[in-house]
Amino acid sequence: MGRKMRIVITGAGGFVGRELCRQLLLRGDEVVGLDISGYGLCSGIRQVIGEFSEPAVRRDLLSAGFDALIHLATVPGGAAEMDPVASRRVNVDAMYDMLLEAAAIRAGVRVVYASSIAVLGDALPATVDDQTPLAPRMIYGGHKAMMEHAVAMFSNRAMIDGVTVRLPGILARPKGPSGMKSAFMSDLFHALKAGEPFECPVSPDGTIWAQSVMKCAENLISAVHLDSALLPSTRAVTLPALRLSLAELTAEIALQCGVSPGLVSYNPDVPLETAFARQPLLATPAAERAGLAHDGNSANLVRNALATL
């Protein structure tokens, strides 16, 4: 398991952050977690509550020292489109400043940055691989792409030792508003688990890249410890993910929940499907060489996702 570490996490009270904190505490690591409110923050961590964009809050977060930093805090996709000024303030300016502040305290520190497949855009080639260029269309994806370059630049200058991981669809988010346009994927889980009808906004043959939040947290922990010499010069990799149709995902969730897949009807929203459910084949050799992985198969993915609902 290796030596115990003190790990700083931004966005620690969020969907991925809570699972990440849980796994790190089980490993015996010390966690310092920042979130905008105390709601959702794990007990057993040092809690820092406040706005990530506030310099004083970041000073408090970094004041106790750290061995690594995992950056999850973000203004998510739909919210970023609605308020691009807030997206820039949090997703670009505050992160840029935090990288400088962390490097000043501990030069060469491992920084794991949770980026997004939104950096790739939505006019994708037949296969996405490590050579696919970034072509973001959304504000969110554009800002994430900017900070991928910042992580690479600061790593090239030996200020940090950065690892960028692009997250696919992570399942299954808690019920309720999330600001994510892709939330329908998680809503499907909640409806079928409750035995309720669900109108899916994409077609049954729409395809997604998916990973359970349990596996995502495991990958983020692996990213803290991986050998950065295994990474491409961009320091960025797309996380391995399973490519599933909505019909396949529905059938597996229904099977494990003991309900009929007929509870799901389909009423496609073309722009939504274009952006989130027309994912082509995915090849992630660089991430796999570095030790990152997907859930293995659809049954494991659904089992892992249901376990964390």
Protein backbone atom coordinates (compact mmCIF):
# COMPACT_ATOMS: atom_id res chain seq x y z
CA MET A 1 0.00 0.00 0.00
CA GLY A 2 2.98 2.33 0.45
CA ARG A 3 3.61 5.07 2.96
CA LYS A 4 0.73 7.08 4.40
CA MET A 5 0.28 10.51 2.84
CA ARG A 6 -1.39 13.82 3.57
CA ILE A 7 -3.55 14.57 0.54
CA VAL A 8 -5.38 17.82 -0.15
CA ILE A 9 -8.65 17.49 -2.09
CA THR A 10 -10.66 20.35 -3.53
CA GLY A 11 -14.34 19.60 -4.10
CA ALA A 12 -14.12 16.99 -1.34
CA GLY A 13 -17.84 17.20 -0.56
CA GLY A 14 -18.90 16.45 -4.12
CA PHE A 15 -19.97 13.21 -5.74
CA VAL A 16 -16.48 11.97 -6.64
CA GLY A 17 -14.85 13.74 -3.70
CA ARG A 18 -16.84 11.88 -1.06
CA GLU A 19 -15.97 8.46 -2.51
CA LEU A 20 -12.34 9.51 -2.90
CA CYS A 21 -12.14 10.62 0.75
CA ARG A 22 -13.75 7.36 1.87
CA GLN A 23 -11.19 5.27 0.01
CA LEU A 24 -8.22 7.35 1.16
CA LEU A 25 -9.29 7.11 4.80
CA LEU A 26 -9.61 3.34 4.46
CA ARG A 27 -6.02 3.29 3.19
CA GLY A 28 -4.93 5.18 6.30
CA ASP A 29 -4.06 8.43 4.49
CA GLU A 30 -4.65 11.84 6.04
CA VAL A 31 -7.07 14.00 4.07
CA VAL A 32 -7.55 17.77 4.02
CA GLY A 33 -10.76 18.49 2.15
CA LEU A 34 -12.19 21.74 0.79
CA ASP A 35 -15.79 22.31 -0.19
CA ILE A 36 -18.09 25.27 -0.49
CA SER A 37 -20.25 24.00 2.37
CA GLY A 38 -19.81 21.44 5.11
CA TYR A 39 -22.57 19.28 3.65
CA GLY A 40 -21.20 16.03 2.27
CA LEU A 41 -17.72 16.31 3.75
CA CYS A 42 -16.55 13.07 5.36
CA SER A 43 -15.92 12.85 9.06
CA GLY A 44 -12.32 11.96 9.81
CA ILE A 45 -10.82 14.56 7.47
CA ARG A 46 -9.59 18.08 8.18
CA GLN A 47 -12.41 20.17 6.76
CA VAL A 48 -11.92 23.53 5.07
CA ILE A 49 -15.20 25.22 4.18
CA GLY A 50 -15.40 28.12 1.76
CA GLU A 51 -15.15 29.36 -1.81
CA PHE A 52 -12.25 27.82 -3.74
CA SER A 53 -11.87 31.12 -5.59
CA GLU A 54 -11.05 32.99 -2.35
CA PRO A 55 -7.27 33.29 -1.73
CA ALA A 56 -7.72 33.15 2.05
CA VAL A 57 -9.60 29.85 1.77
CA ARG A 58 -6.83 28.35 -0.37
CA ARG A 59 -4.21 29.55 2.12
CA ASP A 60 -6.08 27.73 4.87
CA LEU A 61 -6.33 24.61 2.69
CA LEU A 62 -2.59 24.48 1.99
CA SER A 63 -1.35 25.77 5.36
CA ALA A 64 -0.86 22.41 7.06
CA GLY A 65 1.36 21.03 4.31
CA PHE A 66 0.67 18.18 1.89
CA ASP A 67 2.22 15.32 -0.04
CA ALA A 68 -0.16 15.51 -3.00
CA LEU A 69 -3.10 17.55 -4.25
CA ILE A 70 -6.19 16.25 -6.10
CA HIS A 71 -8.20 19.00 -7.77
CA LEU A 72 -11.89 18.20 -8.27
CA ALA A 73 -13.60 21.53 -7.53
CA THR A 74 -15.36 22.88 -10.59
CA VAL A 75 -18.29 24.81 -11.99
CA PRO A 76 -19.84 21.93 -13.99
CA GLY A 77 -20.92 21.86 -17.61
CA GLY A 78 -24.48 23.20 -17.60
CA ALA A 79 -23.72 25.74 -14.87
CA ALA A 80 -20.62 26.92 -16.77
CA GLU A 81 -22.70 27.54 -19.90
CA MET A 82 -25.18 29.58 -17.85
CA ASP A 83 -22.47 31.59 -16.06
CA PRO A 84 -19.18 31.65 -18.01
CA VAL A 85 -17.80 34.36 -15.72
CA ALA A 86 -18.12 32.07 -12.70
CA SER A 87 -16.63 29.24 -14.74
CA ARG A 88 -13.58 31.30 -15.59
CA ARG A 89 -13.19 32.51 -11.99
CA VAL A 90 -13.26 28.99 -10.54
CA ASN A 91 -12.22 26.65 -13.37
CA VAL A 92 -9.40 28.81 -14.72
CA ASP A 93 -8.25 31.70 -12.54
CA ALA A 94 -8.51 30.08 -9.10
CA MET A 95 -6.96 26.81 -10.30
CA TYR A 96 -4.07 28.65 -11.97
CA ASP A 97 -3.42 30.56 -8.75
CA MET A 98 -3.63 27.37 -6.67
CA LEU A 99 -1.01 25.65 -8.81
CA LEU A 100 1.35 28.58 -8.23
CA GLU A 101 0.58 28.59 -4.50
CA ALA A 102 1.11 24.84 -4.13
CA ALA A 103 4.36 24.97 -6.10
CA ALA A 104 5.65 27.79 -3.89
CA ILE A 105 5.05 25.65 -0.79
CA ARG A 106 6.26 22.33 -2.19
CA ALA A 107 8.06 22.43 -5.53
CA GLY A 108 7.50 19.34 -7.64
CA VAL A 109 4.41 18.20 -5.72
CA ARG A 110 2.16 15.63 -7.39
CA VAL A 111 -1.02 17.34 -8.61
CA VAL A 112 -3.85 15.24 -10.03
CA TYR A 113 -6.27 17.30 -12.10
CA ALA A 114 -9.74 15.97 -12.88
CA SER A 115 -10.43 17.20 -16.40
CA SER A 116 -13.26 16.01 -18.66
CA ILE A 117 -13.97 14.36 -21.99
CA ALA A 118 -15.67 17.69 -22.77
CA VAL A 119 -12.22 18.92 -23.91
CA LEU A 120 -12.58 16.66 -26.96
CA GLY A 121 -15.70 18.41 -28.26
CA ASP A 122 -18.69 16.67 -29.82
CA ALA A 123 -17.67 16.18 -33.46
CA LEU A 124 -15.56 13.13 -32.71
CA PRO A 125 -13.75 10.77 -35.09
CA ALA A 126 -14.76 7.10 -35.44
CA THR A 127 -12.21 6.22 -32.74
CA VAL A 128 -10.92 8.51 -30.01
CA ASP A 129 -7.39 7.72 -28.88
CA ASP A 130 -4.35 9.39 -27.37
CA GLN A 131 -3.71 11.41 -30.54
CA THR A 132 -7.23 12.89 -30.83
CA PRO A 133 -6.87 16.69 -30.74
CA LEU A 134 -8.75 18.85 -28.25
CA ALA A 135 -11.65 20.70 -29.88
CA PRO A 136 -13.98 21.85 -27.09
CA ARG A 137 -17.30 23.45 -27.96
CA MET A 138 -18.68 24.12 -24.49
CA ILE A 139 -17.35 26.79 -22.11
CA TYR A 140 -16.72 24.04 -19.56
CA GLY A 141 -14.64 21.97 -21.98
CA GLY A 142 -12.73 25.03 -23.15
CA HIS A 143 -11.78 26.04 -19.63
CA LYS A 144 -10.79 22.46 -18.76
CA ALA A 145 -8.57 22.36 -21.88
CA MET A 146 -6.87 25.62 -20.87
CA MET A 147 -5.93 24.17 -17.51
CA GLU A 148 -4.68 20.92 -19.01
CA HIS A 149 -2.11 23.08 -20.79
CA ALA A 150 -1.29 24.88 -17.53
CA VAL A 151 -0.66 21.56 -15.76
CA ALA A 152 1.69 20.50 -18.56
CA MET A 153 3.50 23.85 -18.60
CA PHE A 154 4.08 23.93 -14.83
CA SER A 155 5.22 20.30 -14.95
CA ASN A 156 7.70 21.12 -17.73
CA ARG A 157 9.06 23.88 -15.50
CA ALA A 158 9.42 21.37 -12.59
CA MET A 159 7.08 23.48 -10.47
CA ILE A 160 4.67 20.57 -10.04
CA ASP A 161 4.53 16.92 -11.11
CA GLY A 162 1.15 17.02 -12.81
CA VAL A 163 -1.21 14.28 -13.96
CA THR A 164 -4.39 15.19 -15.84
CA VAL A 165 -7.12 12.55 -16.06
CA ARG A 166 -10.13 13.18 -18.28
CA LEU A 167 -13.25 11.81 -16.64
CA PRO A 168 -15.92 10.08 -18.75
CA GLY A 169 -19.52 9.71 -17.51
CA ILE A 170 -19.24 8.83 -13.80
CA LEU A 171 -22.09 6.79 -12.35
CA ALA A 172 -24.28 7.12 -10.51
CA ARG A 173 -24.66 10.63 -9.12
CA PRO A 174 -26.98 11.36 -6.19
CA LYS A 175 -30.58 12.17 -7.03
CA GLY A 176 -31.34 15.86 -7.52
CA PRO A 177 -29.95 18.80 -9.50
CA SER A 178 -26.23 18.59 -10.27
CA GLY A 179 -25.64 21.20 -12.96
CA MET A 180 -24.47 18.39 -15.25
CA LYS A 181 -26.19 18.03 -18.61
CA SER A 182 -25.29 14.33 -18.56
CA ALA A 183 -27.29 13.74 -15.34
CA PHE A 184 -29.82 11.59 -17.23
CA MET A 185 -27.36 8.67 -16.98
CA SER A 186 -27.59 8.72 -13.19
CA ASP A 187 -31.33 9.46 -13.18
CA LEU A 188 -31.79 6.17 -15.03
CA PHE A 189 -30.23 4.29 -12.08
CA HIS A 190 -32.42 6.01 -9.51
CA ALA A 191 -35.64 5.37 -11.43
CA LEU A 192 -35.00 1.68 -12.02
CA LYS A 193 -33.77 1.09 -8.47
CA ALA A 194 -37.07 2.57 -7.26
CA GLY A 195 -39.07 0.61 -9.85
CA GLU A 196 -40.34 3.83 -11.41
CA PRO A 197 -40.91 4.69 -15.10
CA PHE A 198 -38.27 6.84 -16.75
CA GLU A 199 -38.30 8.83 -19.99
CA CYS A 200 -34.76 8.77 -21.34
CA PRO A 201 -33.76 11.88 -23.32
CA VAL A 202 -31.49 9.91 -25.67
CA SER A 203 -32.23 6.97 -27.97
CA PRO A 204 -31.70 3.33 -26.92
CA ASP A 205 -28.80 2.98 -29.35
CA GLY A 206 -27.12 6.15 -28.06
CA THR A 207 -23.64 5.31 -26.75
CA ILE A 208 -21.82 6.63 -23.69
CA TRP A 209 -18.40 6.22 -22.08
CA ALA A 210 -19.00 5.24 -18.47
CA GLN A 211 -17.16 4.40 -15.28
CA SER A 212 -18.41 3.87 -11.73
CA VAL A 213 -17.56 6.45 -9.08
CA MET A 214 -15.90 3.65 -7.11
CA LYS A 215 -13.50 2.90 -9.99
CA CYS A 216 -13.01 6.62 -10.67
CA ALA A 217 -11.80 7.17 -7.10
CA GLU A 218 -9.48 4.17 -7.39
CA ASN A 219 -8.02 5.69 -10.56
CA LEU A 220 -7.49 9.08 -8.93
CA ILE A 221 -5.58 7.39 -6.11
CA SER A 222 -3.52 5.46 -8.67
CA ALA A 223 -2.77 8.78 -10.37
CA VAL A 224 -1.26 10.08 -7.13
CA HIS A 225 1.26 7.23 -7.16
CA LEU A 226 1.93 6.52 -10.86
CA ASP A 227 5.27 7.14 -12.58
CA SER A 228 4.77 10.33 -14.58
CA ALA A 229 7.46 9.16 -17.04
CA LEU A 230 4.77 6.79 -18.36
CA LEU A 231 2.58 9.72 -19.39
CA PRO A 232 2.57 11.52 -22.75
CA SER A 233 4.23 14.94 -22.91
CA THR A 234 0.83 16.58 -22.38
CA ARG A 235 0.63 14.90 -18.95
CA ALA A 236 -3.03 14.18 -19.89
CA VAL A 237 -4.84 10.88 -20.42
CA THR A 238 -8.46 9.94 -20.92
CA LEU A 239 -9.57 7.46 -18.28
CA PRO A 240 -10.38 4.01 -19.66
CA ALA A 241 -14.16 3.62 -19.87
CA LEU A 242 -16.73 1.11 -21.01
CA ARG A 243 -18.63 2.08 -24.15
CA LEU A 244 -22.28 1.13 -23.65
CA SER A 245 -25.54 1.82 -25.42
CA LEU A 246 -28.39 3.14 -23.29
CA ALA A 247 -30.29 -0.05 -24.08
CA GLU A 248 -27.39 -2.17 -22.74
CA LEU A 249 -27.08 -0.03 -19.63
CA THR A 250 -30.83 -0.11 -19.03
CA ALA A 251 -30.98 -3.90 -19.38
CA GLU A 252 -28.14 -4.45 -16.88
CA ILE A 253 -29.54 -2.02 -14.30
CA ALA A 254 -33.00 -3.57 -14.64
CA LEU A 255 -31.55 -7.07 -14.23
CA GLN A 256 -29.66 -6.18 -11.05
CA CYS A 257 -32.63 -4.25 -9.62
CA GLY A 258 -35.12 -7.01 -10.47
CA VAL A 259 -37.40 -4.80 -12.58
CA SER A 260 -38.49 -4.67 -16.21
CA PRO A 261 -36.41 -2.66 -18.71
CA GLY A 262 -39.80 -1.74 -20.16
CA LEU A 263 -40.06 0.91 -17.45
CA VAL A 264 -37.78 3.02 -19.66
CA SER A 265 -39.18 4.89 -22.67
CA TYR A 266 -37.14 6.99 -25.06
CA ASN A 267 -37.78 10.55 -26.24
CA PRO A 268 -34.47 11.72 -27.77
CA ASP A 269 -33.31 15.31 -27.41
CA VAL A 270 -31.08 15.62 -30.47
CA PRO A 271 -28.66 18.29 -29.13
CA LEU A 272 -28.31 16.42 -25.84
CA GLU A 273 -27.70 13.11 -27.61
CA THR A 274 -25.19 14.73 -29.97
CA ALA A 275 -23.20 16.09 -27.04
CA PHE A 276 -23.42 13.15 -24.62
CA ALA A 277 -24.63 9.95 -26.26
CA ARG A 278 -22.83 9.52 -29.55
CA GLN A 279 -19.51 8.44 -28.13
CA PRO A 280 -17.41 6.47 -30.64
CA LEU A 281 -14.89 3.71 -29.95
CA LEU A 282 -12.37 4.66 -27.27
CA ALA A 283 -8.71 3.58 -27.09
CA THR A 284 -6.72 4.58 -23.98
CA PRO A 285 -3.31 2.86 -24.18
CA ALA A 286 -1.41 5.65 -22.39
CA ALA A 287 -3.71 5.54 -19.38
CA GLU A 288 -3.59 1.76 -19.28
CA ARG A 289 0.22 1.74 -19.41
CA ALA A 290 0.19 4.07 -16.42
CA GLY A 291 -1.99 1.62 -14.47
CA LEU A 292 -5.46 3.17 -14.88
CA ALA A 293 -8.44 0.96 -15.72
CA HIS A 294 -12.21 0.72 -16.34
CA ASP A 295 -14.73 -1.41 -14.43
CA GLY A 296 -14.10 -4.48 -16.58
CA ASN A 297 -17.62 -5.14 -17.85
CA SER A 298 -21.13 -3.70 -17.67
CA ALA A 299 -22.17 -5.99 -14.80
CA ASN A 300 -19.29 -4.77 -12.63
CA LEU A 301 -19.94 -1.16 -13.54
CA VAL A 302 -23.62 -1.34 -12.60
CA ARG A 303 -22.88 -3.32 -9.42
CA ASN A 304 -20.28 -0.75 -8.34
CA ALA A 305 -22.56 2.17 -9.18
CA LEU A 306 -25.55 0.73 -7.33
CA ALA A 307 -23.35 0.05 -4.29
CA THR A 308 -22.62 3.77 -3.91
CA LEU A 309 -26.15 5.14 -4.45
